[in-house]
Amino acid sequence: MFEFIKVLLDDIKNYKTLSERRIGLLGRVEITNKTSKEQLKGYIDTLKKLRNYLGADYLEKIKERVDKQKNEIVIAIENSK
């Protein structure tokens, strides 16, 4: 689970591929020393569901796909009178 959390943090900081909804699921619970075991278990369950939905290596797949794409620049000129 720790490796998946590191992947999530890398994605959030550098790639921003997660939707606001997915990030919202993760950000709803503040984990502190006073967090109950039930809340912590619920958060871990949320992480497991997200890992099952995305796949443990989802970011690597995205990186591979992006590396294969060519960068293009499109310049548009508007005619105005």
C-alpha atoms as a PDB file:
ATOM      1  CA  MET A   1       0.000   0.000   0.000  1.00  0.00           C
ATOM      2  CA  PHE A   2       2.890   2.356   0.783  1.00  0.00           C
ATOM      3  CA  GLU A   3       4.181   2.129  -2.801  1.00  0.00           C
ATOM      4  CA  PHE A   4       0.753   3.023  -4.172  1.00  0.00           C
ATOM      5  CA  ILE A   5       0.611   6.063  -1.882  1.00  0.00           C
ATOM      6  CA  LYS A   6       3.992   7.184  -3.225  1.00  0.00           C
ATOM      7  CA  VAL A   7       2.644   6.805  -6.781  1.00  0.00           C
ATOM      8  CA  LEU A   8      -0.422   8.883  -5.857  1.00  0.00           C
ATOM      9  CA  LEU A   9       1.751  11.621  -4.360  1.00  0.00           C
ATOM     10  CA  ASP A  10       3.995  11.666  -7.444  1.00  0.00           C
ATOM     11  CA  ASP A  11       0.946  11.932  -9.676  1.00  0.00           C
ATOM     12  CA  ILE A  12      -0.622  14.736  -7.639  1.00  0.00           C
ATOM     13  CA  LYS A  13       2.612  16.732  -7.463  1.00  0.00           C
ATOM     14  CA  ASN A  14       3.985  16.222 -10.967  1.00  0.00           C
ATOM     15  CA  TYR A  15       1.458  14.831 -13.453  1.00  0.00           C
ATOM     16  CA  LYS A  16      -2.028  15.804 -12.227  1.00  0.00           C
ATOM     17  CA  THR A  17      -3.874  12.960 -13.960  1.00  0.00           C
ATOM     18  CA  LEU A  18      -6.340  12.288 -11.133  1.00  0.00           C
ATOM     19  CA  SER A  19      -9.756  13.896 -11.326  1.00  0.00           C
ATOM     20  CA  GLU A  20     -10.985  16.285  -8.660  1.00  0.00           C
ATOM     21  CA  ARG A  21     -13.443  13.602  -7.595  1.00  0.00           C
ATOM     22  CA  ARG A  22     -10.684  11.069  -6.954  1.00  0.00           C
ATOM     23  CA  ILE A  23      -8.568  13.607  -5.097  1.00  0.00           C
ATOM     24  CA  GLY A  24     -11.654  14.593  -3.108  1.00  0.00           C
ATOM     25  CA  LEU A  25     -12.103  11.006  -1.973  1.00  0.00           C
ATOM     26  CA  LEU A  26      -8.585  11.039  -0.599  1.00  0.00           C
ATOM     27  CA  GLY A  27      -8.745  14.496   0.939  1.00  0.00           C
ATOM     28  CA  ARG A  28     -11.938  14.137   2.940  1.00  0.00           C
ATOM     29  CA  VAL A  29     -10.245  12.564   5.948  1.00  0.00           C
ATOM     30  CA  GLU A  30      -7.575  14.288   7.971  1.00  0.00           C
ATOM     31  CA  ILE A  31      -5.304  11.715   9.564  1.00  0.00           C
ATOM     32  CA  THR A  32      -3.782  12.705  12.886  1.00  0.00           C
ATOM     33  CA  ASN A  33      -2.709  10.970  16.080  1.00  0.00           C
ATOM     34  CA  LYS A  34      -6.329  11.239  17.243  1.00  0.00           C
ATOM     35  CA  THR A  35      -7.805   9.506  14.193  1.00  0.00           C
ATOM     36  CA  SER A  36      -9.840   6.497  15.268  1.00  0.00           C
ATOM     37  CA  LYS A  37      -9.060   3.017  14.018  1.00  0.00           C
ATOM     38  CA  GLU A  38     -12.427   2.905  12.245  1.00  0.00           C
ATOM     39  CA  GLN A  39     -11.668   6.099  10.317  1.00  0.00           C
ATOM     40  CA  LEU A  40      -8.203   4.833   9.448  1.00  0.00           C
ATOM     41  CA  LYS A  41      -9.627   1.507   8.284  1.00  0.00           C
ATOM     42  CA  GLY A  42     -12.160   3.363   6.121  1.00  0.00           C
ATOM     43  CA  TYR A  43      -9.375   5.447   4.571  1.00  0.00           C
ATOM     44  CA  ILE A  44      -7.307   2.350   3.833  1.00  0.00           C
ATOM     45  CA  ASP A  45     -10.376   0.731   2.252  1.00  0.00           C
ATOM     46  CA  THR A  46     -10.790   3.820   0.048  1.00  0.00           C
ATOM     47  CA  LEU A  47      -7.140   3.558  -1.010  1.00  0.00           C
ATOM     48  CA  LYS A  48      -7.568  -0.140  -1.809  1.00  0.00           C
ATOM     49  CA  LYS A  49     -10.659   0.554  -3.926  1.00  0.00           C
ATOM     50  CA  LEU A  50      -8.808   3.294  -5.783  1.00  0.00           C
ATOM     51  CA  ARG A  51      -5.824   0.998  -6.361  1.00  0.00           C
ATOM     52  CA  ASN A  52      -8.121  -1.733  -7.678  1.00  0.00           C
ATOM     53  CA  TYR A  53      -9.915   0.749  -9.948  1.00  0.00           C
ATOM     54  CA  LEU A  54      -6.810   2.484 -11.342  1.00  0.00           C
ATOM     55  CA  GLY A  55      -4.337  -0.362 -11.091  1.00  0.00           C
ATOM     56  CA  ALA A  56      -1.219  -0.283  -8.955  1.00  0.00           C
ATOM     57  CA  ASP A  57       0.915   0.793 -11.942  1.00  0.00           C
ATOM     58  CA  TYR A  58      -1.516   3.246 -13.553  1.00  0.00           C
ATOM     59  CA  LEU A  59       0.977   6.123 -13.585  1.00  0.00           C
ATOM     60  CA  GLU A  60       3.637   4.055 -15.340  1.00  0.00           C
ATOM     61  CA  LYS A  61       1.152   3.231 -18.100  1.00  0.00           C
ATOM     62  CA  ILE A  62       0.337   6.919 -18.504  1.00  0.00           C
ATOM     63  CA  LYS A  63       4.023   7.850 -18.597  1.00  0.00           C
ATOM     64  CA  GLU A  64       4.682   5.245 -21.314  1.00  0.00           C
ATOM     65  CA  ARG A  65       1.788   6.548 -23.393  1.00  0.00           C
ATOM     66  CA  VAL A  66       2.966  10.159 -23.053  1.00  0.00           C
ATOM     67  CA  ASP A  67       6.556   9.263 -23.973  1.00  0.00           C
ATOM     68  CA  LYS A  68       5.350   7.809 -27.280  1.00  0.00           C
ATOM     69  CA  GLN A  69       3.443  10.952 -28.258  1.00  0.00           C
ATOM     70  CA  LYS A  70       4.977  13.691 -30.345  1.00  0.00           C
ATOM     71  CA  ASN A  71       4.727  17.260 -29.210  1.00  0.00           C
ATOM     72  CA  GLU A  72       2.979  19.559 -31.640  1.00  0.00           C
ATOM     73  CA  ILE A  73       2.544  23.290 -31.661  1.00  0.00           C
ATOM     74  CA  VAL A  74      -0.560  24.729 -33.276  1.00  0.00           C
ATOM     75  CA  ILE A  75      -0.625  28.404 -34.196  1.00  0.00           C
ATOM     76  CA  ALA A  76      -3.974  29.951 -35.044  1.00  0.00           C
ATOM     77  CA  ILE A  77      -4.455  33.367 -36.608  1.00  0.00           C
ATOM     78  CA  GLU A  78      -7.807  35.101 -36.371  1.00  0.00           C
ATOM     79  CA  ASN A  79      -8.903  37.430 -39.141  1.00  0.00           C
ATOM     80  CA  SER A  80     -10.555  40.475 -37.620  1.00  0.00           C
ATOM     81  CA  LYS A  81     -11.890  43.535 -39.385  1.00  0.00           C
END
